[in-house]
Amino acid sequence: MGMQVNAAGEGGSNDEPILDVNTTPLIDVMLVLLVMLIVTLPAQTHLVKLNMPVQSPPVPQPPNIHIDIDPDGTIVWNNEPLSGIGALEAHFREESARDPQAQIQLRPSALAKYDVVASVMASAARNDMTRMGFTNIAQYAD
């Protein structure tokens, strides 16, 4: 705020009332209220309520089925040689009825004929064996 001086240069008092509002006390009150508001506000926590699924006990997995195919065309089911595709299909029918199904781990020899491997895979597909994979495929990297 500045001091008002008459245009005539007189240092005397002017009889007109001062119309400026003194805002200093208003600013002080506003700052005190602002500090009180900041101090009294609780800390904001960003929590989101989630309905998580209830954890069910794990289902025991059946042991894997290892099928080896030898170079001479012999099919071996878990270290037991089979007489042919008919015996293999009987094993597949028995295994496909189980719930959950075991995983077939097919391990053909590098010298096994393709049509024997393809017939084993086709037999598994015909009998609804859905879990099948190849193991020990590092020998085919060459």
N, C-alpha and C. Protein backbone atom coordinates (compact mmCIF):
# COMPACT_ATOMS: atom_id res chain seq x y z
N MET A 1 0.85 -1.18 0.00
CA MET A 1 0.00 0.00 0.00
C MET A 1 0.89 1.24 0.00
N GLY A 2 0.50 2.12 -0.81
CA GLY A 2 1.26 3.37 -0.88
C GLY A 2 0.54 4.50 -0.15
N MET A 3 1.24 5.52 0.12
CA MET A 3 0.65 6.68 0.79
C MET A 3 0.13 7.64 -0.26
N GLN A 4 -1.05 8.16 -0.03
CA GLN A 4 -1.63 9.07 -1.02
C GLN A 4 -1.19 10.50 -0.72
N VAL A 5 -0.85 11.21 -1.77
CA VAL A 5 -0.41 12.60 -1.64
C VAL A 5 -1.36 13.45 -2.50
N ASN A 6 -1.75 14.62 -1.97
CA ASN A 6 -2.63 15.52 -2.73
C ASN A 6 -1.93 15.99 -4.00
N ALA A 7 -2.74 16.27 -4.99
CA ALA A 7 -2.19 16.76 -6.25
C ALA A 7 -1.61 18.15 -6.08
N ALA A 8 -2.11 18.89 -5.13
CA ALA A 8 -1.64 20.25 -4.93
C ALA A 8 -0.32 20.24 -4.18
N GLY A 9 0.06 19.12 -3.64
CA GLY A 9 1.33 19.04 -2.95
C GLY A 9 1.23 19.41 -1.50
N GLU A 10 0.03 19.64 -1.02
CA GLU A 10 -0.12 19.98 0.39
C GLU A 10 0.09 18.74 1.22
N GLY A 11 0.65 18.88 2.33
CA GLY A 11 0.87 17.76 3.22
C GLY A 11 -0.27 17.58 4.18
N GLY A 12 -1.36 18.36 4.06
CA GLY A 12 -2.48 18.31 4.98
C GLY A 12 -3.31 17.07 4.78
N SER A 13 -4.21 16.85 5.67
CA SER A 13 -5.06 15.67 5.60
C SER A 13 -6.22 15.92 4.67
N ASN A 14 -6.68 14.88 4.09
CA ASN A 14 -7.80 14.95 3.19
C ASN A 14 -9.01 14.42 3.94
N ASP A 15 -10.15 15.04 3.79
CA ASP A 15 -11.33 14.62 4.53
C ASP A 15 -12.05 13.46 3.88
N GLU A 16 -11.58 12.99 2.76
CA GLU A 16 -12.23 11.86 2.09
C GLU A 16 -11.86 10.56 2.81
N PRO A 17 -12.84 9.68 2.94
CA PRO A 17 -12.52 8.39 3.60
C PRO A 17 -11.67 7.49 2.69
N ILE A 18 -10.85 6.66 3.31
CA ILE A 18 -10.02 5.72 2.55
C ILE A 18 -10.90 4.53 2.20
N LEU A 19 -10.98 4.25 0.91
CA LEU A 19 -11.87 3.19 0.45
C LEU A 19 -11.13 1.86 0.21
N ASP A 20 -9.84 1.77 0.42
CA ASP A 20 -9.09 0.52 0.23
C ASP A 20 -9.30 -0.39 1.42
N VAL A 21 -9.47 -1.67 1.12
CA VAL A 21 -9.68 -2.65 2.18
C VAL A 21 -8.33 -3.21 2.57
N ASN A 22 -8.11 -3.34 3.85
CA ASN A 22 -6.87 -3.92 4.34
C ASN A 22 -7.00 -5.45 4.26
N THR A 23 -6.27 -6.07 3.33
CA THR A 23 -6.40 -7.51 3.09
C THR A 23 -5.39 -8.35 3.86
N THR A 24 -4.49 -7.73 4.60
CA THR A 24 -3.47 -8.49 5.33
C THR A 24 -4.08 -9.46 6.34
N PRO A 25 -5.06 -9.06 7.14
CA PRO A 25 -5.64 -10.03 8.08
C PRO A 25 -6.39 -11.17 7.35
N LEU A 26 -6.99 -10.85 6.21
CA LEU A 26 -7.69 -11.89 5.46
C LEU A 26 -6.71 -12.93 4.92
N ILE A 27 -5.56 -12.49 4.45
CA ILE A 27 -4.55 -13.41 3.95
C ILE A 27 -4.01 -14.27 5.09
N ASP A 28 -3.80 -13.66 6.24
CA ASP A 28 -3.32 -14.42 7.40
C ASP A 28 -4.31 -15.52 7.80
N VAL A 29 -5.60 -15.19 7.83
CA VAL A 29 -6.63 -16.17 8.18
C VAL A 29 -6.68 -17.28 7.13
N MET A 30 -6.56 -16.90 5.86
CA MET A 30 -6.58 -17.91 4.80
C MET A 30 -5.39 -18.87 4.92
N LEU A 31 -4.22 -18.37 5.22
CA LEU A 31 -3.04 -19.23 5.37
C LEU A 31 -3.18 -20.16 6.57
N VAL A 32 -3.72 -19.65 7.67
CA VAL A 32 -3.93 -20.50 8.85
C VAL A 32 -4.93 -21.61 8.53
N LEU A 33 -6.00 -21.30 7.82
CA LEU A 33 -6.98 -22.32 7.44
C LEU A 33 -6.38 -23.35 6.49
N LEU A 34 -5.54 -22.90 5.58
CA LEU A 34 -4.89 -23.82 4.66
C LEU A 34 -3.95 -24.78 5.39
N VAL A 35 -3.18 -24.28 6.33
CA VAL A 35 -2.29 -25.15 7.11
C VAL A 35 -3.10 -26.13 7.94
N MET A 36 -4.20 -25.67 8.55
CA MET A 36 -5.04 -26.57 9.33
C MET A 36 -5.65 -27.66 8.45
N LEU A 37 -6.06 -27.32 7.24
CA LEU A 37 -6.61 -28.29 6.31
C LEU A 37 -5.57 -29.34 5.93
N ILE A 38 -4.36 -28.92 5.64
CA ILE A 38 -3.31 -29.86 5.26
C ILE A 38 -2.96 -30.79 6.41
N VAL A 39 -2.90 -30.27 7.62
CA VAL A 39 -2.54 -31.08 8.78
C VAL A 39 -3.64 -32.07 9.13
N THR A 40 -4.89 -31.68 9.00
CA THR A 40 -5.98 -32.55 9.43
C THR A 40 -6.42 -33.56 8.38
N LEU A 41 -6.02 -33.41 7.12
CA LEU A 41 -6.41 -34.38 6.10
C LEU A 41 -5.68 -35.71 6.35
N PRO A 42 -6.39 -36.80 6.26
CA PRO A 42 -5.71 -38.10 6.44
C PRO A 42 -4.85 -38.40 5.21
N ALA A 43 -3.84 -39.21 5.43
CA ALA A 43 -2.98 -39.61 4.31
C ALA A 43 -3.80 -40.45 3.35
N GLN A 44 -3.69 -40.16 2.07
CA GLN A 44 -4.48 -40.87 1.07
C GLN A 44 -3.85 -42.24 0.83
N THR A 45 -4.65 -43.26 1.00
CA THR A 45 -4.20 -44.61 0.68
C THR A 45 -4.95 -45.07 -0.56
N HIS A 46 -4.22 -45.60 -1.50
CA HIS A 46 -4.82 -46.02 -2.76
C HIS A 46 -5.09 -47.52 -2.69
N LEU A 47 -6.11 -47.90 -2.00
CA LEU A 47 -6.48 -49.30 -1.88
C LEU A 47 -7.59 -49.62 -2.86
N VAL A 48 -7.45 -50.76 -3.49
CA VAL A 48 -8.48 -51.24 -4.41
C VAL A 48 -8.93 -52.60 -3.89
N LYS A 49 -10.22 -52.73 -3.64
CA LYS A 49 -10.73 -54.01 -3.15
C LYS A 49 -10.85 -54.97 -4.32
N LEU A 50 -10.20 -56.13 -4.20
CA LEU A 50 -10.26 -57.16 -5.22
C LEU A 50 -10.82 -58.43 -4.61
N ASN A 51 -11.69 -59.06 -5.33
CA ASN A 51 -12.20 -60.36 -4.91
C ASN A 51 -11.34 -61.41 -5.57
N MET A 52 -10.37 -61.92 -4.82
CA MET A 52 -9.45 -62.91 -5.35
C MET A 52 -10.08 -64.29 -5.28
N PRO A 53 -9.78 -65.15 -6.24
CA PRO A 53 -10.35 -66.50 -6.20
C PRO A 53 -9.76 -67.30 -5.04
N VAL A 54 -10.56 -68.18 -4.52
CA VAL A 54 -10.12 -69.03 -3.43
C VAL A 54 -9.21 -70.10 -4.01
N GLN A 55 -8.07 -70.29 -3.36
CA GLN A 55 -7.11 -71.24 -3.89
C GLN A 55 -7.56 -72.67 -3.57
N SER A 56 -7.66 -73.45 -4.63
CA SER A 56 -8.07 -74.83 -4.45
C SER A 56 -6.82 -75.69 -4.31
N PRO A 57 -6.95 -76.84 -3.68
CA PRO A 57 -5.77 -77.69 -3.53
C PRO A 57 -5.31 -78.20 -4.90
N PRO A 58 -4.01 -78.38 -5.06
CA PRO A 58 -3.52 -78.81 -6.37
C PRO A 58 -3.97 -80.23 -6.69
N VAL A 59 -4.26 -80.43 -7.96
CA VAL A 59 -4.69 -81.74 -8.43
C VAL A 59 -3.44 -82.56 -8.73
N PRO A 60 -3.33 -83.75 -8.18
CA PRO A 60 -2.13 -84.54 -8.45
C PRO A 60 -2.06 -84.94 -9.93
N GLN A 61 -0.89 -84.76 -10.51
CA GLN A 61 -0.70 -85.08 -11.91
C GLN A 61 -0.30 -86.55 -12.06
N PRO A 62 -0.85 -87.23 -13.05
CA PRO A 62 -0.47 -88.62 -13.27
C PRO A 62 0.96 -88.70 -13.80
N PRO A 63 1.61 -89.83 -13.63
CA PRO A 63 2.98 -89.94 -14.16
C PRO A 63 2.98 -89.87 -15.69
N ASN A 64 4.06 -89.38 -16.24
CA ASN A 64 4.19 -89.27 -17.69
C ASN A 64 4.34 -90.65 -18.32
N ILE A 65 3.92 -90.75 -19.56
CA ILE A 65 4.05 -91.98 -20.34
C ILE A 65 5.23 -91.79 -21.30
N HIS A 66 6.23 -92.62 -21.18
CA HIS A 66 7.40 -92.54 -22.05
C HIS A 66 7.25 -93.57 -23.17
N ILE A 67 7.21 -93.11 -24.40
CA ILE A 67 7.13 -94.00 -25.56
C ILE A 67 8.41 -93.83 -26.36
N ASP A 68 9.16 -94.90 -26.46
CA ASP A 68 10.38 -94.91 -27.26
C ASP A 68 10.11 -95.66 -28.55
N ILE A 69 10.71 -95.20 -29.63
CA ILE A 69 10.60 -95.88 -30.92
C ILE A 69 12.02 -96.22 -31.36
N ASP A 70 12.30 -97.49 -31.43
CA ASP A 70 13.63 -97.97 -31.78
C ASP A 70 13.83 -97.91 -33.29
N PRO A 71 15.10 -98.00 -33.74
CA PRO A 71 15.36 -97.95 -35.19
C PRO A 71 14.71 -99.09 -35.97
N ASP A 72 14.48 -100.23 -35.34
CA ASP A 72 13.86 -101.35 -36.07
C ASP A 72 12.34 -101.27 -36.07
N GLY A 73 11.74 -100.21 -35.47
CA GLY A 73 10.30 -100.02 -35.48
C GLY A 73 9.61 -100.53 -34.23
N THR A 74 10.37 -101.02 -33.25
CA THR A 74 9.79 -101.50 -32.00
C THR A 74 9.29 -100.31 -31.18
N ILE A 75 8.07 -100.41 -30.67
CA ILE A 75 7.47 -99.36 -29.83
C ILE A 75 7.58 -99.83 -28.39
N VAL A 76 8.17 -98.97 -27.54
CA VAL A 76 8.40 -99.31 -26.13
C VAL A 76 7.56 -98.36 -25.27
N TRP A 77 6.66 -98.91 -24.45
CA TRP A 77 5.76 -98.15 -23.57
C TRP A 77 6.31 -98.27 -22.15
N ASN A 78 6.84 -97.20 -21.59
CA ASN A 78 7.41 -97.19 -20.23
C ASN A 78 8.33 -98.40 -20.01
N ASN A 79 9.32 -98.54 -20.88
CA ASN A 79 10.34 -99.61 -20.82
C ASN A 79 9.75 -101.01 -21.02
N GLU A 80 8.57 -101.11 -21.60
CA GLU A 80 7.95 -102.41 -21.90
C GLU A 80 7.68 -102.48 -23.40
N PRO A 81 8.36 -103.37 -24.13
CA PRO A 81 8.14 -103.45 -25.58
C PRO A 81 6.72 -103.94 -25.89
N LEU A 82 6.11 -103.32 -26.90
CA LEU A 82 4.76 -103.69 -27.32
C LEU A 82 4.84 -104.52 -28.60
N SER A 83 3.80 -105.33 -28.82
CA SER A 83 3.81 -106.22 -29.98
C SER A 83 3.45 -105.50 -31.28
N GLY A 84 2.85 -104.34 -31.20
CA GLY A 84 2.48 -103.62 -32.42
C GLY A 84 1.55 -102.45 -32.11
N ILE A 85 0.99 -101.88 -33.18
CA ILE A 85 0.09 -100.73 -33.03
C ILE A 85 -1.19 -101.11 -32.30
N GLY A 86 -1.66 -102.34 -32.44
CA GLY A 86 -2.88 -102.77 -31.74
C GLY A 86 -2.72 -102.72 -30.23
N ALA A 87 -1.58 -103.18 -29.72
CA ALA A 87 -1.31 -103.11 -28.28
C ALA A 87 -1.17 -101.66 -27.82
N LEU A 88 -0.57 -100.83 -28.68
CA LEU A 88 -0.42 -99.41 -28.35
C LEU A 88 -1.79 -98.73 -28.26
N GLU A 89 -2.69 -99.06 -29.19
CA GLU A 89 -4.04 -98.48 -29.16
C GLU A 89 -4.79 -98.90 -27.92
N ALA A 90 -4.59 -100.14 -27.47
CA ALA A 90 -5.25 -100.60 -26.24
C ALA A 90 -4.77 -99.78 -25.04
N HIS A 91 -3.47 -99.50 -24.99
CA HIS A 91 -2.94 -98.66 -23.90
C HIS A 91 -3.51 -97.24 -24.00
N PHE A 92 -3.59 -96.71 -25.21
CA PHE A 92 -4.13 -95.36 -25.39
C PHE A 92 -5.59 -95.27 -24.97
N ARG A 93 -6.40 -96.30 -25.29
CA ARG A 93 -7.81 -96.29 -24.88
C ARG A 93 -7.94 -96.29 -23.36
N GLU A 94 -7.09 -97.05 -22.71
CA GLU A 94 -7.12 -97.11 -21.24
C GLU A 94 -6.70 -95.78 -20.63
N GLU A 95 -5.69 -95.15 -21.20
CA GLU A 95 -5.19 -93.88 -20.65
C GLU A 95 -6.11 -92.71 -20.96
N SER A 96 -6.80 -92.73 -22.10
CA SER A 96 -7.65 -91.60 -22.46
C SER A 96 -8.89 -91.51 -21.57
N ALA A 97 -9.26 -92.61 -20.91
CA ALA A 97 -10.42 -92.60 -20.02
C ALA A 97 -10.11 -91.95 -18.67
N ARG A 98 -8.85 -91.80 -18.35
CA ARG A 98 -8.46 -91.22 -17.05
C ARG A 98 -8.59 -89.70 -17.08
N ASP A 99 -8.86 -89.16 -15.90
CA ASP A 99 -8.95 -87.71 -15.78
C ASP A 99 -8.12 -87.28 -14.59
N PRO A 100 -7.11 -86.50 -14.70
CA PRO A 100 -6.55 -85.90 -15.90
C PRO A 100 -5.68 -86.89 -16.65
N GLN A 101 -5.54 -86.61 -17.92
CA GLN A 101 -4.74 -87.49 -18.77
C GLN A 101 -3.25 -87.31 -18.50
N ALA A 102 -2.53 -88.40 -18.65
CA ALA A 102 -1.08 -88.33 -18.53
C ALA A 102 -0.51 -87.71 -19.81
N GLN A 103 0.67 -87.15 -19.68
CA GLN A 103 1.32 -86.58 -20.86
C GLN A 103 2.18 -87.65 -21.51
N ILE A 104 2.08 -87.75 -22.83
CA ILE A 104 2.89 -88.69 -23.59
C ILE A 104 4.19 -88.00 -23.95
N GLN A 105 5.30 -88.61 -23.59
CA GLN A 105 6.61 -88.09 -23.96
C GLN A 105 7.20 -89.03 -25.00
N LEU A 106 7.10 -88.61 -26.23
CA LEU A 106 7.52 -89.43 -27.36
C LEU A 106 9.02 -89.21 -27.61
N ARG A 107 9.76 -90.32 -27.66
CA ARG A 107 11.20 -90.23 -27.81
C ARG A 107 11.64 -91.18 -28.93
N PRO A 108 11.50 -90.76 -30.20
CA PRO A 108 11.91 -91.65 -31.29
C PRO A 108 13.43 -91.62 -31.46
N SER A 109 13.95 -92.71 -31.92
CA SER A 109 15.37 -92.78 -32.23
C SER A 109 15.64 -91.94 -33.47
N ALA A 110 16.87 -91.48 -33.61
CA ALA A 110 17.23 -90.69 -34.78
C ALA A 110 17.16 -91.53 -36.05
N LEU A 111 17.24 -92.83 -35.91
CA LEU A 111 17.21 -93.72 -37.08
C LEU A 111 15.84 -94.37 -37.30
N ALA A 112 14.84 -94.00 -36.47
CA ALA A 112 13.49 -94.58 -36.60
C ALA A 112 12.84 -94.09 -37.89
N LYS A 113 12.01 -94.94 -38.46
CA LYS A 113 11.31 -94.58 -39.70
C LYS A 113 10.18 -93.61 -39.39
N TYR A 114 10.00 -92.67 -40.31
CA TYR A 114 9.00 -91.62 -40.12
C TYR A 114 7.60 -92.20 -40.03
N ASP A 115 7.28 -93.21 -40.85
CA ASP A 115 5.91 -93.72 -40.85
C ASP A 115 5.57 -94.42 -39.55
N VAL A 116 6.53 -94.98 -38.82
CA VAL A 116 6.24 -95.57 -37.51
C VAL A 116 5.93 -94.47 -36.51
N VAL A 117 6.71 -93.39 -36.53
CA VAL A 117 6.47 -92.26 -35.62
C VAL A 117 5.12 -91.61 -35.94
N ALA A 118 4.83 -91.45 -37.23
CA ALA A 118 3.55 -90.85 -37.63
C ALA A 118 2.38 -91.73 -37.24
N SER A 119 2.53 -93.04 -37.31
CA SER A 119 1.42 -93.92 -36.93
C SER A 119 1.20 -93.90 -35.42
N VAL A 120 2.26 -93.76 -34.63
CA VAL A 120 2.10 -93.64 -33.17
C VAL A 120 1.36 -92.34 -32.85
N MET A 121 1.74 -91.24 -33.50
CA MET A 121 1.07 -89.96 -33.24
C MET A 121 -0.39 -89.99 -33.72
N ALA A 122 -0.65 -90.63 -34.85
CA ALA A 122 -2.03 -90.73 -35.35
C ALA A 122 -2.87 -91.60 -34.43
N SER A 123 -2.27 -92.65 -33.88
CA SER A 123 -3.00 -93.51 -32.95
C SER A 123 -3.35 -92.74 -31.68
N ALA A 124 -2.45 -91.92 -31.21
CA ALA A 124 -2.74 -91.10 -30.02
C ALA A 124 -3.86 -90.11 -30.32
N ALA A 125 -3.84 -89.52 -31.48
CA ALA A 125 -4.89 -88.56 -31.84
C ALA A 125 -6.24 -89.25 -32.00
N ARG A 126 -6.27 -90.44 -32.58
CA ARG A 126 -7.53 -91.18 -32.74
C ARG A 126 -8.14 -91.53 -31.40
N ASN A 127 -7.33 -91.76 -30.40
CA ASN A 127 -7.82 -92.15 -29.08
C ASN A 127 -7.93 -90.98 -28.12
N ASP A 128 -7.96 -89.76 -28.65
CA ASP A 128 -8.18 -88.53 -27.87
C ASP A 128 -7.13 -88.29 -26.80
N MET A 129 -5.91 -88.64 -27.07
CA MET A 129 -4.80 -88.29 -26.18
C MET A 129 -4.34 -86.90 -26.59
N THR A 130 -4.58 -85.92 -25.72
CA THR A 130 -4.37 -84.52 -26.10
C THR A 130 -3.04 -83.96 -25.65
N ARG A 131 -2.37 -84.59 -24.72
CA ARG A 131 -1.12 -84.05 -24.19
C ARG A 131 0.06 -84.91 -24.68
N MET A 132 0.78 -84.38 -25.67
CA MET A 132 1.89 -85.14 -26.23
C MET A 132 3.04 -84.18 -26.53
N GLY A 133 4.25 -84.64 -26.28
CA GLY A 133 5.41 -83.82 -26.58
C GLY A 133 6.59 -84.71 -26.92
N PHE A 134 7.59 -84.09 -27.56
CA PHE A 134 8.80 -84.82 -27.91
C PHE A 134 9.87 -84.52 -26.87
N THR A 135 10.62 -85.52 -26.47
CA THR A 135 11.72 -85.33 -25.54
C THR A 135 13.02 -85.75 -26.21
N ASN A 136 14.11 -85.25 -25.67
CA ASN A 136 15.45 -85.58 -26.14
C ASN A 136 15.61 -85.25 -27.63
N ILE A 137 15.21 -84.04 -28.00
CA ILE A 137 15.30 -83.65 -29.41
C ILE A 137 16.62 -82.97 -29.74
N ALA A 138 17.53 -82.89 -28.77
CA ALA A 138 18.82 -82.28 -29.03
C ALA A 138 19.63 -83.08 -30.04
N GLN A 139 19.36 -84.38 -30.14
CA GLN A 139 20.10 -85.20 -31.10
C GLN A 139 19.75 -84.88 -32.54
N TYR A 140 18.65 -84.17 -32.77
CA TYR A 140 18.23 -83.83 -34.13
C TYR A 140 18.72 -82.44 -34.54
N ALA A 141 19.50 -81.79 -33.70
CA ALA A 141 19.95 -80.42 -34.00
C ALA A 141 20.92 -80.36 -35.15
N ASP A 142 21.60 -81.43 -35.44
CA ASP A 142 22.62 -81.43 -36.52
C ASP A 142 22.00 -81.31 -37.88
